[in-house]
Structure formats: C-alpha cells, structure tokens
C-alpha cells in the first residue's frame, strides 16, 4: 500500500512537469531556414545598408579623404563598390559591364554618390527578387573571364564579399579620420 501511495504521489508530481517540458519544447521549435534566394537577398541588402549608411554619414568635406596618397578616396571607394555591382547585374539584363570605375567628377556631390550606391544595391536586390529560388542556379558568363560560366548565386555571393571588403576598408578610413563608423556606434 505504501508503494502504491508513493507511486501515485510521484505520478501526480511528474505528470505536470512532463506536460510543462513538452510545452517548452513546442515553444523552442526552431523556424525553418529562409529560402536560399531570401538568404542571398538579405546578405546583399545588409552590405548595401552598411555602405549606404557610411555614404550618408561621412562628412561631405572629407569625401576626398585618403589615408595615404596611393589609396582611393572615400568617395572613390564607394563608387568602385557600387559600380562593381553592375558587373553582376548588367550581364543578367543583357547590358554591357562598366568600363572601369566611374570618375569622381561624374559624381561631384555627396548626394550623387549616395544615390549611386543606393541605386546599385536596389538594382541588384530587384534582380535577385525577380530570379527567386528557381533562378539561383541559372548560369551566366563570368564578366572577368569571358569564357567561364558561373551560377547566379555564386556570382552574387562573390559581389557581396567584394562589397564587404570595401566596407572593411572604409571602416579604416573612418578610424584614420578620427570618426566612428555607424555600425560601431552604440545602438539607441
């Protein structure tokens, strides 16, 4: 009888604990991953957001700042990164790739540089959205080799990485100029 009472007592205590643990497990069920094209689009937009934030934030009177004379200026770095996006975008649209970087005198003001950076990332984002998951494996000609096909997604990841490299360089420009990059500031 004593064993039966102990077993009953334990059953009454353990049963609600098991139910509570099951409820917690249901709450902790992870969401499925985003679609491959959405992951790529999110990465494209994130690096574009970072470069745009820098373009908008850096003082216009320092846009021609160079840490050392042989480097590109801050504005030239942004123009290079934004223009490079068109090596990805243009072939997919049937357009020619750019012939080198845009010249600084084509984009004289901060507003013009900011607009170009925004447009290049918006154009790429629109293309990635249009292609969706079904277009991630589409083949395109690598604009740098002229005879090598690459998957659209691989090419896009390469240009995201390229933009990330220039983001890192621009962080150094900020620091050398005595400024704090937007991403390094405390969040409000």
Protein backbone atom coordinates (compact mmCIF):
# COMPACT_ATOMS: atom_id res chain seq x y z
CA UNK A 1 0.00 0.00 0.00
CA UNK A 2 2.83 2.33 0.88
CA UNK A 3 4.47 1.67 -2.51
CA UNK A 4 1.20 2.40 -4.28
CA UNK A 5 0.81 5.71 -2.48
CA UNK A 6 4.41 6.70 -3.31
CA UNK A 7 3.90 5.76 -6.96
CA UNK A 8 0.64 7.70 -7.10
CA UNK A 9 2.29 10.68 -5.41
CA UNK A 10 5.19 10.62 -7.90
CA UNK A 11 2.82 10.27 -10.84
CA UNK A 12 0.89 13.34 -9.72
CA UNK A 13 4.09 15.38 -9.41
CA UNK A 14 5.90 14.14 -12.55
CA UNK A 15 2.91 14.29 -14.91
CA UNK A 16 2.52 18.09 -14.83
CA UNK A 17 6.30 18.51 -15.11
CA UNK A 18 6.34 16.40 -18.26
CA UNK A 19 3.48 18.40 -19.74
CA UNK A 20 5.31 21.64 -18.90
CA UNK A 21 8.50 20.32 -20.52
CA UNK A 22 6.54 19.40 -23.65
CA UNK A 23 5.05 22.91 -23.79
CA UNK A 24 8.56 24.38 -23.54
CA UNK A 25 9.76 22.08 -26.33
CA UNK A 26 6.93 23.30 -28.56
CA UNK A 27 7.90 26.92 -27.86
CA UNK A 28 11.56 26.18 -28.70
CA UNK A 29 10.88 24.55 -32.04
CA UNK A 30 13.11 26.45 -34.45
CA UNK A 31 11.71 28.09 -37.53
CA UNK A 32 12.69 26.53 -40.84
CA UNK A 33 15.50 28.29 -42.71
CA UNK A 34 14.68 31.00 -45.19
CA UNK A 35 14.73 30.11 -48.88
CA UNK A 36 18.20 30.29 -50.49
CA UNK A 37 17.27 33.33 -52.57
CA UNK A 38 15.99 35.13 -49.46
CA UNK A 39 19.22 34.43 -47.57
CA UNK A 40 21.20 35.81 -50.51
CA UNK A 41 18.92 38.84 -50.82
CA UNK A 42 19.21 39.54 -47.09
CA UNK A 43 23.02 39.45 -47.29
CA UNK A 44 23.00 41.69 -50.39
CA UNK A 45 20.72 44.19 -48.67
CA UNK A 46 22.71 44.11 -45.43
CA UNK A 47 26.03 45.03 -47.01
CA UNK A 48 24.21 47.60 -49.15
CA UNK A 49 22.66 49.08 -46.00
CA UNK A 50 26.08 49.34 -44.35
CA UNK A 51 27.72 51.05 -47.34
CA UNK A 52 24.74 53.37 -47.78
CA UNK A 53 24.86 54.31 -44.09
CA UNK A 54 28.53 55.20 -44.48
CA UNK A 55 27.89 57.16 -47.67
CA UNK A 56 25.16 59.16 -45.93
CA UNK A 57 27.08 59.61 -42.68
CA UNK A 58 30.63 60.52 -43.72
CA UNK A 59 31.14 64.30 -43.83
CA UNK A 60 30.99 65.65 -47.37
CA UNK A 61 34.08 67.79 -46.77
CA UNK A 62 36.01 64.54 -46.15
CA UNK A 63 34.69 62.67 -49.21
CA UNK A 64 38.04 63.08 -50.96
CA UNK A 65 39.97 61.89 -47.89
CA UNK A 66 42.63 59.23 -48.49
CA UNK A 67 44.51 57.56 -45.63
CA UNK A 68 47.59 57.54 -47.91
CA UNK A 69 48.03 59.13 -51.34
CA UNK A 70 48.04 55.83 -53.31
CA UNK A 71 44.62 54.77 -51.99
CA UNK A 72 41.25 55.64 -53.46
CA UNK A 73 39.42 58.46 -51.74
CA UNK A 74 36.41 57.68 -49.56
CA UNK A 75 34.09 58.66 -52.43
CA UNK A 76 36.11 56.63 -54.94
CA UNK A 77 35.84 53.54 -52.71
CA UNK A 78 32.05 53.90 -52.65
CA UNK A 79 31.88 54.49 -56.40
CA UNK A 80 34.07 51.43 -57.04
CA UNK A 81 31.97 49.14 -54.82
CA UNK A 82 28.69 50.37 -56.29
CA UNK A 83 29.94 50.19 -59.88
CA UNK A 84 31.21 46.65 -59.35
CA UNK A 85 27.62 45.55 -58.66
CA UNK A 86 26.89 46.21 -62.32
CA UNK A 87 29.41 43.53 -63.30
CA UNK A 88 26.84 41.18 -61.74
CA UNK A 89 23.63 42.97 -62.73
CA UNK A 90 24.33 44.05 -66.32
CA UNK A 91 25.17 40.65 -67.85
CA UNK A 92 21.93 39.24 -66.45
CA UNK A 93 19.99 42.10 -68.03
CA UNK A 94 21.81 41.78 -71.35
CA UNK A 95 23.72 45.02 -70.83
CA UNK A 96 27.44 45.73 -71.09
CA UNK A 97 29.51 45.75 -67.92
CA UNK A 98 31.05 49.07 -66.86
CA UNK A 99 34.36 50.09 -68.34
CA UNK A 100 36.26 50.70 -65.12
CA UNK A 101 35.19 52.75 -62.15
CA UNK A 102 33.16 55.91 -62.51
CA UNK A 103 35.25 59.05 -62.23
CA UNK A 104 34.83 61.25 -59.22
CA UNK A 105 33.96 64.25 -61.42
CA UNK A 106 30.90 62.33 -62.67
CA UNK A 107 29.61 62.27 -59.07
CA UNK A 108 30.63 65.62 -57.68
CA UNK A 109 28.40 65.81 -54.60
CA UNK A 110 27.81 63.54 -51.65
CA UNK A 111 24.15 63.30 -52.67
CA UNK A 112 25.13 61.98 -56.13
CA UNK A 113 27.45 59.35 -54.63
CA UNK A 114 24.80 58.28 -52.09
CA UNK A 115 22.19 57.98 -54.85
CA UNK A 116 24.53 55.83 -56.98
CA UNK A 117 25.32 53.50 -54.05
CA UNK A 118 21.62 53.13 -53.22
CA UNK A 119 20.67 52.52 -56.84
CA UNK A 120 23.29 49.84 -57.41
CA UNK A 121 22.13 47.83 -54.41
CA UNK A 122 18.45 48.40 -55.20
CA UNK A 123 19.02 47.22 -58.79
CA UNK A 124 20.76 44.09 -57.54
CA UNK A 125 18.05 43.42 -54.96
CA UNK A 126 15.33 43.75 -57.60
CA UNK A 127 17.16 41.29 -59.83
CA UNK A 128 17.60 38.77 -57.00
CA UNK A 129 13.91 39.06 -56.09
CA UNK A 130 12.92 38.54 -59.70
CA UNK A 131 15.12 35.44 -60.04
CA UNK A 132 13.91 33.87 -56.79
CA UNK A 133 14.87 30.36 -55.76
CA UNK A 134 14.29 28.96 -59.24
CA UNK A 135 16.87 31.35 -60.69
CA UNK A 136 19.68 30.76 -58.21
CA UNK A 137 21.24 28.04 -60.39
CA UNK A 138 20.87 29.98 -63.63
CA UNK A 139 24.16 30.15 -65.47
CA UNK A 140 25.82 33.35 -66.53
CA UNK A 141 29.11 34.21 -68.14
CA UNK A 142 31.70 35.41 -65.65
CA UNK A 143 32.37 39.01 -66.77
CA UNK A 144 36.03 38.71 -65.78
CA UNK A 145 36.92 35.53 -67.68
CA UNK A 146 34.67 35.81 -70.78
CA UNK A 147 34.63 32.02 -71.22
CA UNK A 148 33.65 30.66 -67.80
CA UNK A 149 30.06 30.04 -66.79
CA UNK A 150 29.08 30.53 -63.16
CA UNK A 151 25.89 30.09 -61.19
CA UNK A 152 23.99 33.30 -60.49
CA UNK A 153 24.04 32.65 -56.74
CA UNK A 154 27.81 32.06 -56.68
CA UNK A 155 28.40 35.26 -58.60
CA UNK A 156 26.11 37.24 -56.28
CA UNK A 157 27.89 35.90 -53.19
CA UNK A 158 31.18 36.99 -54.73
CA UNK A 159 29.95 40.54 -55.17
CA UNK A 160 28.56 40.59 -51.63
CA UNK A 161 32.00 39.57 -50.41
CA UNK A 162 33.60 42.27 -52.58
CA UNK A 163 31.34 44.91 -51.06
CA UNK A 164 32.19 43.59 -47.60
CA UNK A 165 35.90 44.05 -48.33
CA UNK A 166 35.29 47.67 -49.24
CA UNK A 167 33.13 48.13 -46.17
CA UNK A 168 36.11 46.96 -44.09
CA UNK A 169 38.42 49.37 -45.88
CA UNK A 170 36.02 52.25 -45.26
CA UNK A 171 35.94 51.40 -41.56
CA UNK A 172 39.67 52.12 -41.57
CA UNK A 173 39.04 55.42 -43.38
CA UNK A 174 36.63 56.38 -40.61
CA UNK A 175 39.11 55.49 -37.89
CA UNK A 176 42.08 57.24 -39.54
CA UNK A 177 39.90 60.33 -39.98
CA UNK A 178 39.10 60.23 -36.24
CA UNK A 179 35.48 59.14 -36.75
CA UNK A 180 33.42 56.17 -35.56
CA UNK A 181 31.67 54.12 -38.26
CA UNK A 182 27.87 53.86 -37.98
CA UNK A 183 27.92 50.10 -37.25
CA UNK A 184 30.39 50.61 -34.36
CA UNK A 185 28.30 53.20 -32.54
CA UNK A 186 26.15 52.21 -29.57
CA UNK A 187 22.66 51.22 -30.63
CA UNK A 188 19.88 53.53 -29.47
